[in-house]
Amino acid sequence: MGLRAATLITALLTAFNISFAAQAFETSAKSAIVLDLSTDLTLMEKNADMRLPPASMSKLMTLNMVFEALEDGRLSLDQSLRVSEQAQSYGGSTMFLTTRDRPTVEELIRGVIVLSGNDASTVLGEAISPDGTERGFAQMMTERAQELGMTNSTFANANGWPADGQRMSTRDLAILAKRLITVFPQYYGYFAETAFDYDGRAPANRLNRNPLLKLNIGADGLKTGHTQEAGYGLVGSAKQGTRRIVFVLSGLDTQDGRASESERIANWAFRQFAEHQVAEEGVIMTEAEVWMGSVAKVGLATTEDVKVLIPVLGKDGVSAKITYRGPLEAPIQAGDKLAELIVSVPGIGDATHDLVATESVSAGGFMVRVRTAALTLLRELTGQATLLF
């Protein structure tokens, strides 16, 4: 048996009859990355694996840990938590909590997201920490980040306060943002809140710092960050139609620069690429030969709609191919993964999708085996290939 690769330019792609290549996006950010979540493609990156101080953008990892604790029952939204002296000691952006307060988990989540509360992050972290300390929680965050594939992330505290060892890459932040959106949709709505007035304590600090939320471009998250060492950064997400993008910028010089660059990169991602469907869930794309089966061929189809993201300008075309090791040997069960559809888009890369059997194929009986053996022998005697395709 051998690897089969069939070139497939689908009718849909052929119908476009146009060529594509993205206009490169140039950014003044020290590090940046843009993902298209619908197609799971990286649209651009710049120094995406550079380990940088994340500032308050690291609070997203604290929130991930909180959401995981909510899902497994270690926390509940209406649960009240104590405020330690460590949490109260933080300056910068806070909820102005004191050790006399007992805020709920939900209030603290909103305090982290909307107010970027350093104190709120620490209260949540200490509640989850295996030893009740912020240091213990930071170690827990680092270990969990490694498990999630965030290999350039290490943490020293719960809130991103400048500290030795507090580092993240923009790629890791994008991985984290994607997880918060796709794994915890029940909590994602908090990120779109534009204001949170906790007990009337900080009216000047009640507004969400995300500059994209008020621009009517579909933005609904996630987190800004700023320290003198880190500069200005933002983890953003926006949805237009069926498309959702995630982008991360880090190391910008000014707050206004962060706002304008964030808007510019979001507009670029939506305007420079168009989404097109190339396969429909369950619809046979091709048939593959079956060896020693009750039927000679089996249909191959995707398990979901497959969409491709295409740059709107350029010279080179889009191509697709189906690969599998064939002939396929019976028996085969409907739903078995048998092949891959690989769609290649110039300037972006390849996207691979599983193809599965659309029906079950049982092993052939005695006469099928006799006929197969005879055909194989005939091909050997006449010098033809032994594979029956």
Protein backbone atom coordinates (compact mmCIF):
# COMPACT_ATOMS: atom_id res chain seq x y z
CA MET A 1 0.00 0.00 0.00
CA GLY A 2 1.20 3.54 -0.66
CA LEU A 3 0.45 7.19 -0.02
CA ARG A 4 -2.10 8.57 -2.44
CA ALA A 5 -2.28 12.31 -3.14
CA ALA A 6 -5.06 13.51 -5.38
CA THR A 7 -4.96 17.17 -6.44
CA LEU A 8 -8.35 18.69 -5.85
CA ILE A 9 -9.36 22.12 -7.04
CA THR A 10 -12.94 22.18 -5.92
CA ALA A 11 -15.66 23.64 -8.05
CA LEU A 12 -16.09 26.37 -5.49
CA LEU A 13 -12.45 27.43 -5.60
CA THR A 14 -12.32 27.17 -9.38
CA ALA A 15 -15.36 29.36 -9.63
CA PHE A 16 -13.52 32.21 -7.90
CA ASN A 17 -11.06 32.32 -10.84
CA ILE A 18 -8.94 34.89 -9.04
CA SER A 19 -5.53 34.92 -7.39
CA PHE A 20 -4.58 36.04 -3.93
CA ALA A 21 -1.80 37.21 -1.63
CA ALA A 22 -2.22 39.28 1.50
CA GLN A 23 -0.90 42.79 1.82
CA ALA A 24 1.59 42.46 4.67
CA PHE A 25 0.71 44.34 7.86
CA GLU A 26 3.48 46.47 9.30
CA THR A 27 3.16 47.32 12.99
CA SER A 28 5.14 49.51 15.36
CA ALA A 29 4.49 47.03 18.19
CA LYS A 30 7.54 45.18 19.50
CA SER A 31 5.64 41.90 19.21
CA ALA A 32 2.32 41.02 17.57
CA ILE A 33 0.18 38.17 16.29
CA VAL A 34 -3.22 37.88 14.57
CA LEU A 35 -5.32 34.69 14.49
CA ASP A 36 -8.47 33.90 12.56
CA LEU A 37 -10.44 31.58 14.84
CA SER A 38 -12.92 30.42 12.19
CA THR A 39 -10.19 28.86 10.05
CA ASP A 40 -7.55 28.45 12.79
CA LEU A 41 -5.00 30.35 10.70
CA THR A 42 -2.29 32.80 11.74
CA LEU A 43 -2.67 35.90 9.56
CA MET A 44 0.49 37.67 10.72
CA GLU A 45 3.10 37.54 13.42
CA LYS A 46 6.07 39.61 14.53
CA ASN A 47 8.44 38.37 17.24
CA ALA A 48 5.52 36.27 18.46
CA ASP A 49 7.69 34.01 20.62
CA MET A 50 9.64 36.79 22.32
CA ARG A 51 9.32 36.61 26.11
CA LEU A 52 8.14 40.03 27.28
CA PRO A 53 6.68 41.55 30.46
CA PRO A 54 2.92 41.08 29.98
CA ALA A 55 1.74 43.68 32.50
CA SER A 56 -2.00 43.31 33.19
CA MET A 57 -2.50 41.08 30.14
CA SER A 58 -1.26 38.24 32.38
CA LYS A 59 -4.49 38.64 34.35
CA LEU A 60 -6.05 36.56 31.58
CA MET A 61 -4.19 33.56 32.95
CA THR A 62 -5.56 34.27 36.42
CA LEU A 63 -9.03 34.37 34.89
CA ASN A 64 -8.42 31.06 33.12
CA MET A 65 -7.54 29.50 36.47
CA VAL A 66 -10.68 31.00 38.03
CA PHE A 67 -12.93 29.73 35.22
CA GLU A 68 -11.44 26.25 35.58
CA ALA A 69 -12.14 26.40 39.32
CA LEU A 70 -15.72 27.46 38.67
CA GLU A 71 -16.23 24.55 36.31
CA ASP A 72 -14.87 21.90 38.67
CA GLY A 73 -16.63 23.29 41.74
CA ARG A 74 -13.71 24.74 43.68
CA LEU A 75 -15.33 28.18 43.39
CA SER A 76 -18.84 29.51 42.80
CA LEU A 77 -19.85 32.92 41.47
CA ASP A 78 -21.74 33.88 44.65
CA GLN A 79 -18.99 32.73 47.01
CA SER A 80 -17.46 35.48 49.19
CA LEU A 81 -13.69 35.66 49.58
CA ARG A 82 -11.49 37.32 52.19
CA VAL A 83 -9.09 40.09 51.25
CA SER A 84 -5.56 39.61 52.54
CA GLU A 85 -3.08 42.31 53.47
CA GLN A 86 -1.05 41.22 50.45
CA ALA A 87 -3.98 41.91 48.14
CA GLN A 88 -4.75 45.23 49.82
CA SER A 89 -1.12 46.33 49.50
CA TYR A 90 -1.14 46.60 45.72
CA GLY A 91 -1.30 50.02 44.10
CA GLY A 92 -1.93 50.87 40.49
CA SER A 93 -5.35 49.93 39.18
CA THR A 94 -7.48 48.49 41.98
CA MET A 95 -10.98 47.93 43.32
CA PHE A 96 -9.84 49.71 46.52
CA LEU A 97 -10.50 46.59 48.55
CA THR A 98 -9.69 46.44 52.26
CA THR A 99 -9.24 43.50 54.59
CA ARG A 100 -12.73 44.17 55.93
CA ASP A 101 -14.34 43.43 52.55
CA ARG A 102 -15.82 40.12 51.45
CA PRO A 103 -16.41 40.53 47.69
CA THR A 104 -18.01 37.71 45.72
CA VAL A 105 -16.15 35.79 43.06
CA GLU A 106 -18.33 37.38 40.38
CA GLU A 107 -17.57 40.88 41.67
CA LEU A 108 -13.88 40.05 41.64
CA ILE A 109 -14.03 38.70 38.07
CA ARG A 110 -15.64 41.94 36.92
CA GLY A 111 -13.09 43.86 38.96
CA VAL A 112 -10.26 42.08 37.14
CA ILE A 113 -11.72 42.44 33.65
CA VAL A 114 -13.28 45.90 33.74
CA LEU A 115 -11.22 47.67 36.41
CA SER A 116 -7.99 45.69 35.91
CA GLY A 117 -7.89 45.32 39.68
CA ASN A 118 -4.51 44.21 40.98
CA ASP A 119 -6.09 43.56 44.36
CA ALA A 120 -8.97 41.56 42.87
CA SER A 121 -6.57 39.33 40.93
CA THR A 122 -4.61 38.57 44.09
CA VAL A 123 -7.72 37.73 46.12
CA LEU A 124 -8.79 35.23 43.45
CA GLY A 125 -5.31 33.78 43.13
CA GLU A 126 -4.89 33.25 46.87
CA ALA A 127 -8.28 31.51 47.00
CA ILE A 128 -7.17 28.95 44.41
CA SER A 129 -3.53 28.66 45.45
CA PRO A 130 -2.51 25.25 46.82
CA ASP A 131 -0.87 26.92 49.82
CA GLY A 132 -3.05 30.04 50.04
CA THR A 133 -0.27 32.37 48.90
CA GLU A 134 0.15 34.44 45.76
CA ARG A 135 3.56 32.86 45.21
CA GLY A 136 2.00 29.41 45.28
CA PHE A 137 -0.62 30.54 42.81
CA ALA A 138 2.04 31.94 40.45
CA GLN A 139 3.78 28.57 40.40
CA MET A 140 0.44 26.91 39.74
CA MET A 141 -0.17 29.31 36.82
CA THR A 142 3.25 28.55 35.33
CA GLU A 143 2.71 24.80 35.48
CA ARG A 144 -0.76 25.08 33.94
CA ALA A 145 0.53 27.34 31.17
CA GLN A 146 3.06 24.69 30.18
CA GLU A 147 0.29 22.08 30.06
CA LEU A 148 -1.70 24.34 27.72
CA GLY A 149 1.22 24.76 25.32
CA MET A 150 2.15 28.24 26.51
CA THR A 151 5.85 27.44 26.60
CA ASN A 152 7.11 31.02 26.86
CA SER A 153 5.09 31.95 29.95
CA THR A 154 6.27 32.15 33.55
CA PHE A 155 4.53 33.96 36.38
CA ALA A 156 5.63 35.63 39.60
CA ASN A 157 2.26 36.99 40.75
CA ALA A 158 -1.45 36.98 39.96
CA ASN A 159 -1.80 40.42 38.39
CA GLY A 160 1.18 41.21 36.16
CA TRP A 161 2.87 43.56 38.61
CA PRO A 162 6.50 44.02 37.43
CA ALA A 163 8.65 41.20 38.82
CA ASP A 164 11.56 39.02 37.82
CA GLY A 165 10.31 36.01 35.90
CA GLN A 166 6.98 37.54 34.92
CA ARG A 167 7.05 36.89 31.17
CA MET A 168 4.70 35.90 28.34
CA SER A 169 4.89 35.87 24.55
CA THR A 170 2.19 37.27 22.29
CA ARG A 171 1.71 33.78 20.86
CA ASP A 172 1.01 32.45 24.36
CA LEU A 173 -1.44 35.28 24.99
CA ALA A 174 -3.22 34.41 21.73
CA ILE A 175 -3.44 30.75 22.78
CA LEU A 176 -4.91 31.89 26.08
CA ALA A 177 -7.40 34.27 24.45
CA LYS A 178 -8.59 31.53 22.11
CA ARG A 179 -9.10 29.23 25.10
CA LEU A 180 -11.11 31.80 27.06
CA ILE A 181 -13.38 32.38 24.07
CA THR A 182 -13.92 28.78 22.98
CA VAL A 183 -13.74 26.81 26.23
CA PHE A 184 -15.51 29.27 28.54
CA PRO A 185 -18.21 30.99 26.46
CA GLN A 186 -20.45 31.11 29.55
CA TYR A 187 -18.09 33.67 31.11
CA TYR A 188 -16.87 35.48 28.02
CA GLY A 189 -19.63 38.11 28.20
CA TYR A 190 -17.84 39.79 31.11
CA PHE A 191 -15.12 40.97 28.73
CA ALA A 192 -17.54 43.20 26.81
CA GLU A 193 -18.68 45.14 29.91
CA THR A 194 -17.77 48.79 29.51
CA ALA A 195 -18.19 49.81 33.17
CA PHE A 196 -18.32 48.34 36.67
CA ASP A 197 -18.96 50.51 39.71
CA TYR A 198 -17.99 48.46 42.76
CA ASP A 199 -19.62 49.94 45.85
CA GLY A 200 -19.17 53.45 44.45
CA ARG A 201 -15.54 53.44 45.57
CA ALA A 202 -13.70 54.32 42.41
CA PRO A 203 -15.86 56.27 39.98
CA ALA A 204 -12.75 57.40 38.13
CA ASN A 205 -11.72 53.77 37.64
CA ARG A 206 -15.07 52.28 36.67
CA LEU A 207 -14.56 52.21 32.87
CA ASN A 208 -13.08 49.39 30.84
CA ARG A 209 -9.73 50.44 29.34
CA ASN A 210 -10.21 48.42 26.13
CA PRO A 211 -10.36 51.17 23.46
CA LEU A 212 -12.00 48.89 20.89
CA LEU A 213 -15.27 48.31 22.74
CA LYS A 214 -16.73 51.66 21.69
CA LEU A 215 -15.69 51.57 18.01
CA ASN A 216 -18.52 49.46 16.59
CA ILE A 217 -16.17 46.99 14.88
CA GLY A 218 -17.44 43.89 16.65
CA ALA A 219 -14.87 44.00 19.46
CA ASP A 220 -15.91 42.24 22.68
CA GLY A 221 -12.67 41.64 24.61
CA LEU A 222 -10.22 41.04 26.12
CA LYS A 223 -7.55 42.91 28.15
CA THR A 224 -5.19 45.86 28.07
CA GLY A 225 -1.85 46.09 29.84
CA HIS A 226 0.69 48.78 30.70
CA THR A 227 3.77 49.23 32.80
CA GLN A 228 6.83 51.37 32.22
CA GLU A 229 8.88 48.27 31.46
CA ALA A 230 6.32 46.57 29.21
CA GLY A 231 4.94 49.58 27.38
CA TYR A 232 1.33 49.46 26.19
CA GLY A 233 -0.27 46.23 25.05
CA LEU A 234 -3.64 44.72 24.25
CA VAL A 235 -5.18 41.30 23.78
CA GLY A 236 -8.20 41.90 21.55
CA SER A 237 -10.95 39.95 19.88
CA ALA A 238 -13.67 40.98 17.46
CA LYS A 239 -16.39 39.24 15.50
CA GLN A 240 -17.90 40.32 12.18
CA GLY A 241 -20.40 37.98 10.54
CA THR A 242 -19.19 34.42 10.98
CA ARG A 243 -15.56 35.44 11.41
CA ARG A 244 -13.78 35.99 14.73
CA ILE A 245 -10.23 37.24 15.08
CA VAL A 246 -7.88 37.34 18.05
CA PHE A 247 -4.88 39.66 18.08
CA VAL A 248 -2.17 40.62 20.53
CA LEU A 249 0.03 43.72 20.49
CA SER A 250 2.84 44.38 22.96
CA GLY A 251 5.48 47.04 23.50
CA LEU A 252 3.78 50.13 22.07
CA ASP A 253 4.98 53.53 23.23
CA THR A 254 1.74 55.34 24.09
CA GLN A 255 -1.86 54.72 25.06
CA ASP A 256 -3.09 56.50 21.92
CA GLY A 257 -0.69 54.43 19.84
CA ARG A 258 -2.16 51.26 21.34
CA ALA A 259 -5.69 52.39 20.50
CA SER A 260 -4.94 53.35 16.91
CA GLU A 261 -2.78 50.29 16.21
CA SER A 262 -5.41 47.96 17.65
CA GLU A 263 -8.13 49.46 15.47
CA ARG A 264 -5.87 49.36 12.43
CA ILE A 265 -4.89 45.72 12.85
CA ALA A 266 -8.51 44.62 13.41
CA ASN A 267 -9.67 46.43 10.29
CA TRP A 268 -6.81 44.92 8.29
CA ALA A 269 -7.68 41.37 9.39
CA PHE A 270 -11.31 41.75 8.36
CA ARG A 271 -10.81 43.73 5.15
CA GLN A 272 -7.80 41.99 3.65
CA PHE A 273 -9.26 38.48 3.89
CA ALA A 274 -12.50 36.88 2.75
CA GLU A 275 -13.96 33.60 4.01
CA HIS A 276 -15.22 30.96 1.56
CA GLN A 277 -16.59 27.48 2.13
CA VAL A 278 -14.82 24.64 0.29
CA ALA A 279 -16.45 21.57 1.86
CA GLU A 280 -19.79 20.79 3.43
CA GLU A 281 -20.16 18.52 6.42
CA GLY A 282 -21.06 14.97 5.38
CA VAL A 283 -20.98 15.65 1.62
CA ILE A 284 -18.74 13.21 -0.29
CA MET A 285 -15.68 14.96 -1.72
CA THR A 286 -14.14 11.90 -3.39
CA GLU A 287 -14.18 8.11 -3.29
CA ALA A 288 -11.26 5.92 -2.26
CA GLU A 289 -10.51 2.39 -3.47
CA VAL A 290 -11.15 -0.38 -0.92
CA TRP A 291 -9.00 -3.51 -0.73
CA MET A 292 -10.84 -6.81 -0.18
CA GLY A 293 -14.10 -5.11 0.68
CA SER A 294 -17.75 -5.87 0.00
CA VAL A 295 -17.73 -2.79 -2.25
CA ALA A 296 -14.92 -1.38 -4.37
CA LYS A 297 -15.00 2.20 -3.13
CA VAL A 298 -15.95 4.25 -0.07
CA GLY A 299 -16.94 7.92 0.09
CA LEU A 300 -14.81 10.46 1.98
CA ALA A 301 -16.28 13.55 3.62
CA THR A 302 -15.40 16.15 6.26
CA THR A 303 -16.95 16.06 9.72
CA GLU A 304 -17.70 19.78 9.61
CA ASP A 305 -18.04 22.62 7.14
CA VAL A 306 -14.59 23.62 5.92
CA LYS A 307 -13.94 27.28 5.25
CA VAL A 308 -10.86 28.84 3.76
CA LEU A 309 -9.63 32.36 4.34
CA ILE A 310 -8.43 34.02 1.16
CA PRO A 311 -6.45 37.27 0.83
CA VAL A 312 -8.25 39.69 -1.46
CA LEU A 313 -5.17 40.78 -3.46
CA GLY A 314 -2.26 38.97 -5.08
CA LYS A 315 -0.95 36.67 -7.80
CA ASP A 316 -1.05 33.03 -6.77
CA GLY A 317 -4.05 30.74 -6.57
CA VAL A 318 -5.56 28.52 -3.91
CA SER A 319 -5.15 24.75 -4.20
CA ALA A 320 -6.37 21.70 -2.34
CA LYS A 321 -5.51 18.01 -2.28
CA ILE A 322 -6.69 14.84 -0.58
CA THR A 323 -4.10 12.39 0.77
CA TYR A 324 -4.52 8.88 2.14
CA ARG A 325 -2.69 5.56 2.28
CA GLY A 326 -4.40 3.30 -0.17
CA PRO A 327 -5.97 1.18 -1.15
CA LEU A 328 -7.92 1.21 2.11
CA GLU A 329 -8.34 -2.21 3.71
CA ALA A 330 -11.75 -3.51 4.74
CA PRO A 331 -13.48 -3.68 7.13
CA ILE A 332 -14.16 0.05 7.50
CA GLN A 333 -16.60 1.69 9.90
CA ALA A 334 -18.58 4.79 9.02
CA GLY A 335 -16.83 7.75 10.65
CA ASP A 336 -13.37 6.19 10.56
CA LYS A 337 -10.69 8.78 9.74
CA LEU A 338 -9.20 7.66 6.43
CA ALA A 339 -7.72 10.71 4.73
CA GLU A 340 -6.87 14.39 4.97
CA LEU A 341 -7.96 17.42 2.99
CA ILE A 342 -5.12 19.93 2.75
CA VAL A 343 -6.01 23.43 1.56
CA SER A 344 -3.07 25.66 0.62
CA VAL A 345 -3.48 29.43 0.59
CA PRO A 346 -0.55 31.55 -0.65
CA GLY A 347 0.77 33.91 1.97
CA ILE A 348 -1.01 32.08 4.80
CA GLY A 349 -0.10 28.40 4.68
CA ASP A 350 -1.82 25.02 4.77
CA ALA A 351 -4.93 24.02 6.68
CA THR A 352 -5.50 20.29 7.23
CA HIS A 353 -8.91 18.72 7.82
CA ASP A 354 -9.83 15.10 8.52
CA LEU A 355 -11.85 13.08 6.01
CA VAL A 356 -13.90 10.15 7.26
CA ALA A 357 -15.75 7.22 5.71
CA THR A 358 -19.35 8.05 4.86
CA GLU A 359 -20.45 4.41 5.19
CA SER A 360 -19.32 1.11 6.62
CA VAL A 361 -17.65 -1.44 4.38
CA SER A 362 -17.43 -5.07 5.48
CA ALA A 363 -14.71 -7.48 4.43
CA GLY A 364 -15.42 -9.25 1.17
CA GLY A 365 -16.39 -12.92 0.99
CA PHE A 366 -14.62 -15.82 -0.66
CA MET A 367 -15.36 -14.79 -4.26
CA VAL A 368 -14.12 -11.23 -3.64
CA ARG A 369 -10.84 -12.61 -2.34
CA VAL A 370 -10.47 -14.97 -5.30
CA ARG A 371 -11.16 -12.17 -7.79
CA THR A 372 -8.75 -9.79 -6.04
CA ALA A 373 -5.99 -12.41 -6.01
CA ALA A 374 -6.53 -13.14 -9.71
CA LEU A 375 -6.39 -9.46 -10.66
CA THR A 376 -3.25 -8.95 -8.59
CA LEU A 377 -1.56 -11.92 -10.26
CA LEU A 378 -2.56 -10.67 -13.68
CA ARG A 379 -1.06 -7.26 -13.04
CA GLU A 380 2.18 -8.81 -11.83
CA LEU A 381 2.42 -11.01 -14.93
CA THR A 382 1.75 -8.10 -17.28
CA GLY A 383 4.12 -5.74 -15.44
CA GLN A 384 1.42 -3.37 -14.23
CA ALA A 385 1.27 -1.83 -10.77
CA THR A 386 0.08 -4.18 -8.04
CA LEU A 387 -2.04 -1.51 -6.38
CA LEU A 388 -5.63 -1.61 -7.55
CA PHE A 389 -6.81 1.98 -8.09
